[in-house]
């Protein structure tokens, strides 16, 4: 094993993997210690390898922990006459292992001031000739440590980006999920996180919202969960496209969304001279158009936030013009609009009033000004019912995902069985 050559490439390996060079050295030392233990010592021995980065030489050190009969369980002390309680106490202690432990009396012969809990180090004979199996194991340890270090590095890098928007290239599709190349790693956008009706092409560059960064157990990338349907995706796009929001002059108070169809966002200004709605829309609608284009022409309603619930409801039902709003008990509002504004206030399939109810967190009942006692089809939107429907829908998605995973496992098992039968 040419360690000098390996040392020369450590910086290159660390740069390619995006990890600290010290982690590469640590991986090499762990692999050498494992190889030494397998080839020349008992498997229970505790061996440490120290690599000299200048000379390429390796020192092997055997480490033993100083113990006594209160910290380890000695087999010779087990007698038939022991009480049940003492036996249970001893079972909690580790068994004495001469390969890893040294008794306090023996330790003091080597080091006068040795105490229980200390570690005694003994220099082992230098070895560079390892068997084939030990060398293979060393290689596996190096690769395993490098993969672990790379996963930790990626996790730390993207942990700071959780809740932010990143750019990625569509890589492949698998069982309705979209895998996205994010540069150093691959993220996954599950089917329920994509915009309904939006079609993706391999090689297409898009923006995605990072929902969560999870620690991966195996395989690259699946720990980065992406979304294009999350409401906060729109919020982050506003912050990226509109300087007033990025600077905190204009603030997003609430946002509701039906992905692929319509979004309502309520904004307010912290400076009296700044029009929050005008800032978001931009001159001739250029700013809002850029965001809408990123969302596949999704319609976006920007309304002004107001602490007065009546004013807020009137704004939330935009583009309809409201004649009057009456707040009743139990978070319910009765809204009257002119007959020619009913279709705008209710929206297609009740979408406009439904989003307005979510935005204001109130039950809204839209009625005609000429027929105030008549309830209209689709004119009532209740936030609680919407929340219950969403919970049921989410539960269905979880059950469906679980079933799909079980089917996938069963399919893989059947394929393995078929290959085995064909081989026989």
Protein backbone atom coordinates (compact mmCIF):
# COMPACT_ATOMS: atom_id res chain seq x y z
CA UNK A 1 0.00 0.00 0.00
CA UNK A 2 1.65 3.23 -1.21
CA UNK A 3 0.64 5.64 1.53
CA UNK A 4 2.77 8.50 0.20
CA UNK A 5 0.78 8.50 -3.03
CA UNK A 6 -2.46 8.38 -1.06
CA UNK A 7 -1.41 11.33 1.08
CA UNK A 8 -0.66 13.36 -2.05
CA UNK A 9 -4.21 12.82 -3.28
CA UNK A 10 -5.96 13.52 0.04
CA UNK A 11 -6.66 17.16 -0.81
CA UNK A 12 -7.96 16.15 -4.23
CA UNK A 13 -10.27 13.51 -2.73
CA UNK A 14 -11.52 15.96 -0.08
CA UNK A 15 -12.16 18.63 -2.71
CA UNK A 16 -14.08 16.24 -4.99
CA UNK A 17 -16.22 14.95 -2.12
CA UNK A 18 -16.61 18.37 -0.50
CA UNK A 19 -15.39 17.13 2.89
CA UNK A 20 -12.69 18.08 5.36
CA UNK A 21 -9.25 16.56 4.51
CA UNK A 22 -8.99 15.47 8.15
CA UNK A 23 -11.97 13.15 7.59
CA UNK A 24 -10.11 11.49 4.71
CA UNK A 25 -7.06 10.94 6.93
CA UNK A 26 -9.33 9.60 9.68
CA UNK A 27 -10.89 7.16 7.21
CA UNK A 28 -7.43 5.90 6.16
CA UNK A 29 -6.31 5.50 9.78
CA UNK A 30 -9.48 3.56 10.68
CA UNK A 31 -8.99 1.24 7.73
CA UNK A 32 -5.34 0.57 8.57
CA UNK A 33 -6.23 -0.13 12.21
CA UNK A 34 -8.93 -2.60 11.11
CA UNK A 35 -6.51 -4.34 8.73
CA UNK A 36 -3.80 -4.60 11.42
CA UNK A 37 -6.23 -6.02 13.95
CA UNK A 38 -7.53 -8.63 11.50
CA UNK A 39 -4.09 -9.72 10.34
CA UNK A 40 -2.00 -9.69 13.50
CA UNK A 41 -4.23 -9.49 16.59
CA UNK A 42 -7.41 -10.82 18.09
CA UNK A 43 -10.62 -9.32 16.66
CA UNK A 44 -11.55 -7.90 20.07
CA UNK A 45 -8.39 -5.80 20.33
CA UNK A 46 -8.62 -2.01 20.32
CA UNK A 47 -6.06 -0.70 17.82
CA UNK A 48 -5.41 2.88 16.77
CA UNK A 49 -3.41 3.92 13.71
CA UNK A 50 -1.63 7.27 13.44
CA UNK A 51 -0.61 8.42 9.97
CA UNK A 52 2.32 10.80 9.58
CA UNK A 53 1.21 13.12 6.78
CA UNK A 54 4.78 14.19 5.98
CA UNK A 55 6.61 10.86 5.83
CA UNK A 56 3.71 8.52 5.08
CA UNK A 57 4.72 6.25 7.99
CA UNK A 58 2.07 4.65 10.18
CA UNK A 59 2.32 3.98 13.92
CA UNK A 60 0.03 1.33 15.41
CA UNK A 61 -1.02 1.69 19.04
CA UNK A 62 -2.84 -0.82 21.20
CA UNK A 63 -5.25 0.77 23.67
CA UNK A 64 -6.52 -0.87 26.85
CA UNK A 65 -8.88 0.58 29.42
CA UNK A 66 -7.90 0.40 33.08
CA UNK A 67 -10.63 -1.43 35.04
CA UNK A 68 -11.31 -3.11 38.38
CA UNK A 69 -13.98 -5.47 39.72
CA UNK A 70 -16.44 -2.56 40.10
CA UNK A 71 -16.39 -1.62 36.42
CA UNK A 72 -16.26 -5.03 34.74
CA UNK A 73 -17.70 -8.47 35.38
CA UNK A 74 -15.12 -11.14 36.20
CA UNK A 75 -16.16 -14.73 35.40
CA UNK A 76 -14.03 -16.13 38.24
CA UNK A 77 -16.06 -14.12 40.76
CA UNK A 78 -19.34 -15.75 39.80
CA UNK A 79 -20.33 -18.17 42.53
CA UNK A 80 -23.42 -20.20 43.19
CA UNK A 81 -23.99 -18.46 46.50
CA UNK A 82 -24.44 -15.00 44.96
CA UNK A 83 -27.74 -13.34 45.63
CA UNK A 84 -30.18 -12.69 42.81
CA UNK A 85 -29.80 -8.92 43.22
CA UNK A 86 -26.00 -8.97 42.93
CA UNK A 87 -26.20 -11.19 39.85
CA UNK A 88 -28.51 -8.68 38.18
CA UNK A 89 -26.09 -5.85 39.04
CA UNK A 90 -23.16 -7.75 37.53
CA UNK A 91 -25.08 -8.44 34.33
CA UNK A 92 -25.22 -4.70 33.76
CA UNK A 93 -21.42 -4.51 33.71
CA UNK A 94 -19.37 -5.45 30.63
CA UNK A 95 -17.48 -8.74 30.75
CA UNK A 96 -13.72 -8.47 31.31
CA UNK A 97 -11.87 -8.80 28.00
CA UNK A 98 -8.09 -9.10 28.24
CA UNK A 99 -7.80 -7.78 24.69
CA UNK A 100 -9.45 -4.48 25.61
CA UNK A 101 -9.11 -4.23 29.40
CA UNK A 102 -6.26 -4.22 31.91
CA UNK A 103 -6.72 -4.57 35.67
CA UNK A 104 -5.67 -1.66 37.83
CA UNK A 105 -2.91 -3.65 39.59
CA UNK A 106 -1.33 -4.67 36.28
CA UNK A 107 -1.72 -1.14 34.93
CA UNK A 108 0.19 0.36 37.86
CA UNK A 109 3.14 -1.87 37.08
CA UNK A 110 3.38 -0.13 33.71
CA UNK A 111 2.32 3.33 34.86
CA UNK A 112 2.52 4.33 38.51
CA UNK A 113 -0.23 6.95 38.42
CA UNK A 114 -2.72 4.83 36.45
CA UNK A 115 -6.34 5.15 37.55
CA UNK A 116 -9.54 3.31 36.71
CA UNK A 117 -10.96 4.68 33.49
CA UNK A 118 -7.59 5.68 32.02
CA UNK A 119 -6.38 4.30 28.72
CA UNK A 120 -2.97 2.69 28.47
CA UNK A 121 -1.31 2.85 25.06
CA UNK A 122 1.29 0.39 23.85
CA UNK A 123 3.27 0.86 20.64
CA UNK A 124 2.91 -2.16 18.35
CA UNK A 125 5.47 -3.39 15.79
CA UNK A 126 5.13 -1.52 12.50
CA UNK A 127 3.61 -3.59 9.70
CA UNK A 128 2.94 -2.73 6.06
CA UNK A 129 2.27 -6.20 4.64
CA UNK A 130 -1.41 -7.09 4.93
CA UNK A 131 -3.18 -10.13 3.55
CA UNK A 132 -5.65 -9.95 0.69
CA UNK A 133 -8.72 -10.18 2.93
CA UNK A 134 -7.38 -7.56 5.35
CA UNK A 135 -6.57 -5.24 2.45
CA UNK A 136 -10.07 -5.65 1.02
CA UNK A 137 -11.59 -4.89 4.41
CA UNK A 138 -9.37 -1.82 4.68
CA UNK A 139 -10.64 -0.61 1.33
CA UNK A 140 -14.25 -1.14 2.43
CA UNK A 141 -13.64 0.80 5.66
CA UNK A 142 -12.13 3.71 3.70
CA UNK A 143 -15.07 3.84 1.29
CA UNK A 144 -17.59 3.52 4.11
CA UNK A 145 -15.98 6.35 6.08
CA UNK A 146 -15.77 8.56 3.01
CA UNK A 147 -19.43 7.95 2.17
CA UNK A 148 -20.41 8.74 5.76
CA UNK A 149 -18.33 11.94 5.75
CA UNK A 150 -19.81 12.98 2.41
CA UNK A 151 -23.36 12.40 3.67
CA UNK A 152 -22.66 14.48 6.77
CA UNK A 153 -21.15 17.26 4.65
CA UNK A 154 -24.14 17.32 2.29
CA UNK A 155 -26.57 17.22 5.22
CA UNK A 156 -24.85 20.19 6.88
CA UNK A 157 -24.73 22.14 3.62
CA UNK A 158 -28.42 21.67 2.82
CA UNK A 159 -29.56 21.99 6.45
CA UNK A 160 -28.96 25.73 6.13
CA UNK A 161 -31.03 25.73 2.92
CA UNK A 162 -34.07 24.07 4.47
CA UNK A 163 -37.07 26.29 3.77
CA UNK A 164 -35.24 27.95 0.86
CA UNK A 165 -35.49 27.71 -2.92
CA UNK A 166 -32.79 25.93 -4.92
CA UNK A 167 -32.26 25.34 -8.60
CA UNK A 168 -31.93 21.81 -9.95
CA UNK A 169 -32.05 19.73 -13.12
CA UNK A 170 -34.67 17.01 -13.56
CA UNK A 171 -32.73 13.75 -13.61
CA UNK A 172 -35.20 10.88 -13.79
CA UNK A 173 -38.69 9.68 -12.88
CA UNK A 174 -39.52 6.71 -10.68
CA UNK A 175 -42.98 5.57 -9.53
CA UNK A 176 -44.40 9.08 -9.89
CA UNK A 177 -41.52 10.72 -8.01
CA UNK A 178 -39.13 13.18 -9.65
CA UNK A 179 -35.41 12.94 -8.87
CA UNK A 180 -33.52 16.20 -9.22
CA UNK A 181 -29.78 16.81 -9.63
CA UNK A 182 -28.81 19.49 -7.09
CA UNK A 183 -25.10 19.43 -7.87
CA UNK A 184 -23.40 17.47 -5.09
CA UNK A 185 -26.42 15.33 -4.41
CA UNK A 186 -29.84 14.29 -5.68
CA UNK A 187 -33.14 15.44 -4.20
CA UNK A 188 -36.55 13.82 -4.55
CA UNK A 189 -39.90 15.48 -5.20
CA UNK A 190 -42.71 13.09 -4.32
CA UNK A 191 -45.78 12.95 -6.52
CA UNK A 192 -47.94 14.87 -4.01
CA UNK A 193 -45.35 17.68 -3.87
CA UNK A 194 -45.46 18.44 -7.59
CA UNK A 195 -47.81 20.98 -9.20
CA UNK A 196 -50.89 19.19 -10.59
CA UNK A 197 -50.90 19.23 -14.37
CA UNK A 198 -47.26 20.30 -14.61
CA UNK A 199 -45.14 18.11 -16.87
CA UNK A 200 -41.40 17.71 -16.32
CA UNK A 201 -38.72 16.81 -18.85
CA UNK A 202 -35.35 15.19 -18.20
CA UNK A 203 -32.65 17.85 -18.37
CA UNK A 204 -35.08 20.68 -17.55
CA UNK A 205 -33.82 23.21 -14.99
CA UNK A 206 -36.41 24.34 -12.44
CA UNK A 207 -36.62 25.86 -9.00
CA UNK A 208 -37.66 23.77 -6.01
CA UNK A 209 -38.50 24.42 -2.37
CA UNK A 210 -36.58 22.35 0.18
CA UNK A 211 -39.20 20.94 2.54
CA UNK A 212 -36.88 18.84 4.71
CA UNK A 213 -33.30 17.64 4.97
CA UNK A 214 -33.22 14.17 6.49
CA UNK A 215 -30.24 12.06 7.50
CA UNK A 216 -29.76 9.37 4.88
CA UNK A 217 -29.14 5.77 5.88
CA UNK A 218 -28.24 4.43 2.45
CA UNK A 219 -27.93 5.87 -1.02
CA UNK A 220 -27.35 9.45 -2.11
CA UNK A 221 -29.91 12.19 -2.34
CA UNK A 222 -33.16 10.79 -1.02
CA UNK A 223 -32.73 12.74 2.22
CA UNK A 224 -33.43 16.06 0.42
CA UNK A 225 -37.21 16.38 0.08
CA UNK A 226 -38.29 18.94 -2.54
CA UNK A 227 -41.60 20.57 -3.42
CA UNK A 228 -43.16 22.87 -5.99
CA UNK A 229 -46.65 22.79 -4.48
CA UNK A 230 -45.78 24.10 -1.00
CA UNK A 231 -47.26 27.56 -0.21
CA UNK A 232 -43.88 28.71 1.12
CA UNK A 233 -42.43 28.06 -2.33
CA UNK A 234 -44.42 31.08 -3.54
CA UNK A 235 -43.34 33.12 -0.49
CA UNK A 236 -39.67 32.43 -1.24
CA UNK A 237 -40.15 33.29 -4.92
CA UNK A 238 -41.65 36.64 -3.85
CA UNK A 239 -38.63 37.28 -1.62
CA UNK A 240 -36.28 36.49 -4.51
CA UNK A 241 -38.10 38.61 -7.10
CA UNK A 242 -39.22 41.56 -4.96
CA UNK A 243 -36.50 43.60 -3.21
CA UNK A 244 -38.99 45.26 -0.83
CA UNK A 245 -39.90 41.85 0.63
CA UNK A 246 -36.26 40.76 0.85
CA UNK A 247 -35.42 44.00 2.68
CA UNK A 248 -38.36 43.65 5.09
CA UNK A 249 -40.13 46.79 3.86
CA UNK A 250 -43.08 44.74 2.62
CA UNK A 251 -44.16 41.76 4.73
CA UNK A 252 -46.09 38.65 3.72
CA UNK A 253 -48.83 38.20 6.33
CA UNK A 254 -50.63 35.15 4.97
CA UNK A 255 -50.63 32.94 1.92
CA UNK A 256 -52.94 30.19 0.69
CA UNK A 257 -52.60 28.14 -2.43
CA UNK A 258 -54.23 25.58 -4.67
CA UNK A 259 -51.14 24.51 -6.64
CA UNK A 260 -51.35 24.84 -10.38
CA UNK A 261 -54.51 26.92 -10.20
CA UNK A 262 -54.51 29.92 -7.88
CA UNK A 263 -52.70 31.57 -4.99
CA UNK A 264 -53.83 34.36 -2.69
CA UNK A 265 -51.25 36.29 -0.76
CA UNK A 266 -51.84 39.08 1.77
CA UNK A 267 -49.10 41.69 2.19
CA UNK A 268 -48.57 44.78 4.30
CA UNK A 269 -46.06 47.62 4.27
CA UNK A 270 -43.89 48.71 7.18
CA UNK A 271 -43.36 52.10 5.50
CA UNK A 272 -46.37 54.34 4.87
CA UNK A 273 -45.04 55.65 1.56
CA UNK A 274 -44.72 52.15 0.07
CA UNK A 275 -47.72 50.50 -1.59
CA UNK A 276 -47.39 46.77 -0.71
CA UNK A 277 -49.61 45.51 -3.53
CA UNK A 278 -47.98 47.75 -6.14
CA UNK A 279 -44.52 46.65 -5.03
CA UNK A 280 -45.42 43.00 -5.52
CA UNK A 281 -47.17 43.46 -8.84
CA UNK A 282 -44.48 45.71 -10.31
CA UNK A 283 -44.64 48.09 -13.23
CA UNK A 284 -47.11 46.69 -15.77
CA UNK A 285 -47.18 43.47 -13.76
CA UNK A 286 -43.60 42.47 -14.59
CA UNK A 287 -42.72 41.19 -11.11
CA UNK A 288 -45.84 39.11 -10.57
CA UNK A 289 -45.58 37.79 -14.13
CA UNK A 290 -42.09 36.44 -13.50
CA UNK A 291 -43.37 34.49 -10.49
CA UNK A 292 -46.45 33.26 -12.35
CA UNK A 293 -44.24 32.01 -15.21
CA UNK A 294 -42.13 30.02 -12.75
CA UNK A 295 -45.33 28.41 -11.45
CA UNK A 296 -46.63 27.45 -14.89
CA UNK A 297 -48.93 30.48 -15.33
CA UNK A 298 -50.60 29.94 -11.95
CA UNK A 299 -52.90 32.87 -11.15
CA UNK A 300 -51.74 34.97 -8.19
CA UNK A 301 -53.97 37.43 -6.30
CA UNK A 302 -52.04 39.95 -4.20
CA UNK A 303 -54.25 41.68 -1.61
CA UNK A 304 -53.53 44.18 1.12
CA UNK A 305 -53.54 42.92 4.69
CA UNK A 306 -55.76 44.68 7.21
CA UNK A 307 -56.14 44.04 10.94
CA UNK A 308 -59.85 44.81 10.62
CA UNK A 309 -61.47 41.45 9.70
CA UNK A 310 -64.20 43.13 7.64
CA UNK A 311 -61.68 45.03 5.52
CA UNK A 312 -59.51 41.93 5.23
CA UNK A 313 -62.41 39.81 3.96
CA UNK A 314 -63.34 42.50 1.42
CA UNK A 315 -59.74 42.53 0.18
CA UNK A 316 -59.45 38.74 0.19
CA UNK A 317 -62.43 38.33 -2.16
CA UNK A 318 -60.59 40.35 -4.81
CA UNK A 319 -61.05 40.78 -7.76
CA UNK A 320 -64.73 40.98 -6.72
CA UNK A 321 -66.00 44.26 -5.25
CA UNK A 322 -67.76 43.74 -1.93
CA UNK A 323 -70.72 45.90 -0.84
CA UNK A 324 -70.86 44.92 2.85
CA UNK A 325 -69.36 42.48 5.36
CA UNK A 326 -71.10 41.42 8.56
CA UNK A 327 -69.06 39.49 11.15
CA UNK A 328 -71.12 37.00 13.16
CA UNK A 329 -70.19 34.80 16.11
CA UNK A 330 -68.13 31.60 15.77
CA UNK A 331 -65.80 33.15 13.20
CA UNK A 332 -68.41 33.54 10.50
CA UNK A 333 -68.88 36.38 8.05
CA UNK A 334 -71.82 37.20 5.78
CA UNK A 335 -70.75 39.04 2.64
CA UNK A 336 -73.07 40.86 0.25
CA UNK A 337 -72.02 41.65 -3.31
CA UNK A 338 -73.77 43.02 -6.37
CA UNK A 339 -75.32 40.48 -8.74
CA UNK A 340 -72.75 41.18 -11.46
CA UNK A 341 -69.95 40.44 -8.97
CA UNK A 342 -71.24 37.09 -7.70
CA UNK A 343 -69.32 34.94 -10.19
CA UNK A 344 -66.07 36.77 -9.36
CA UNK A 345 -66.65 36.57 -5.59
CA UNK A 346 -67.46 32.85 -5.60
CA UNK A 347 -65.09 31.84 -8.38
CA UNK A 348 -65.06 28.71 -10.50
CA UNK A 349 -66.14 25.81 -8.31
CA UNK A 350 -66.18 28.14 -5.29
CA UNK A 351 -62.40 28.57 -5.48
CA UNK A 352 -62.23 32.32 -4.80
CA UNK A 353 -64.39 32.23 -1.67
CA UNK A 354 -62.65 29.04 -0.54
CA UNK A 355 -59.19 30.64 -0.72
CA UNK A 356 -60.49 33.82 0.92
CA UNK A 357 -61.82 31.77 3.84
CA UNK A 358 -58.44 30.09 4.27
CA UNK A 359 -56.61 33.41 4.03
CA UNK A 360 -58.76 35.09 6.69
CA UNK A 361 -59.34 31.93 8.76
CA UNK A 362 -63.07 32.70 8.80
CA UNK A 363 -66.19 31.01 7.47
CA UNK A 364 -67.45 33.16 4.60
CA UNK A 365 -70.99 33.15 3.24
CA UNK A 366 -71.27 35.12 -0.02
CA UNK A 367 -74.80 36.27 -0.96
CA UNK A 368 -76.43 38.55 -3.46
CA UNK A 369 -77.21 42.06 -2.27
CA UNK A 370 -80.64 41.80 -3.89
CA UNK A 371 -81.39 38.41 -2.24
CA UNK A 372 -79.60 38.50 1.15
CA UNK A 373 -81.63 35.63 2.66
CA UNK A 374 -80.87 33.18 -0.16
CA UNK A 375 -77.88 30.85 0.16
CA UNK A 376 -75.97 30.40 -3.08
CA UNK A 377 -74.47 27.20 -4.44
CA UNK A 378 -70.74 27.28 -3.78
CA UNK A 379 -71.03 30.57 -1.94
CA UNK A 380 -70.16 29.18 1.51
CA UNK A 381 -66.62 28.23 2.50
CA UNK A 382 -65.77 26.81 5.93
CA UNK A 383 -62.14 26.62 7.06
CA UNK A 384 -62.77 23.72 9.48
CA UNK A 385 -64.34 21.55 6.77
CA UNK A 386 -61.41 22.31 4.47
CA UNK A 387 -58.94 21.29 7.18
CA UNK A 388 -60.79 18.02 7.79
CA UNK A 389 -60.88 17.27 4.06
CA UNK A 390 -57.14 17.93 3.82
CA UNK A 391 -56.44 15.63 6.78
CA UNK A 392 -58.46 12.83 5.14
CA UNK A 393 -56.66 13.41 1.84
CA UNK A 394 -53.25 13.32 3.55
CA UNK A 395 -54.18 10.09 5.32
CA UNK A 396 -55.19 8.57 1.96
CA UNK A 397 -51.82 9.59 0.52
CA UNK A 398 -49.97 7.96 3.44
CA UNK A 399 -51.95 4.72 3.06
CA UNK A 400 -51.39 4.77 -0.69
CA UNK A 401 -47.66 5.38 -0.27
CA UNK A 402 -47.42 2.55 2.26
CA UNK A 403 -49.25 0.20 -0.11
CA UNK A 404 -46.99 1.19 -3.00
CA UNK A 405 -43.89 0.53 -0.88
CA UNK A 406 -45.22 -2.90 0.13
CA UNK A 407 -45.95 -3.70 -3.51
CA UNK A 408 -42.44 -2.58 -4.49
CA UNK A 409 -40.84 -4.82 -1.85
CA UNK A 410 -43.02 -7.75 -2.96
CA UNK A 411 -42.10 -7.13 -6.60
CA UNK A 412 -38.36 -7.09 -5.81
CA UNK A 413 -38.71 -10.30 -3.77
CA UNK A 414 -40.54 -12.04 -6.62
CA UNK A 415 -37.88 -10.90 -9.11
CA UNK A 416 -35.07 -12.27 -6.92
CA UNK A 417 -36.95 -15.54 -6.53
CA UNK A 418 -37.48 -15.82 -10.29
CA UNK A 419 -33.78 -15.17 -10.99
CA UNK A 420 -32.79 -17.79 -8.41
CA UNK A 421 -35.18 -20.38 -9.92
CA UNK A 422 -33.84 -19.62 -13.40
CA UNK A 423 -30.27 -20.07 -12.18
CA UNK A 424 -31.14 -23.42 -10.61
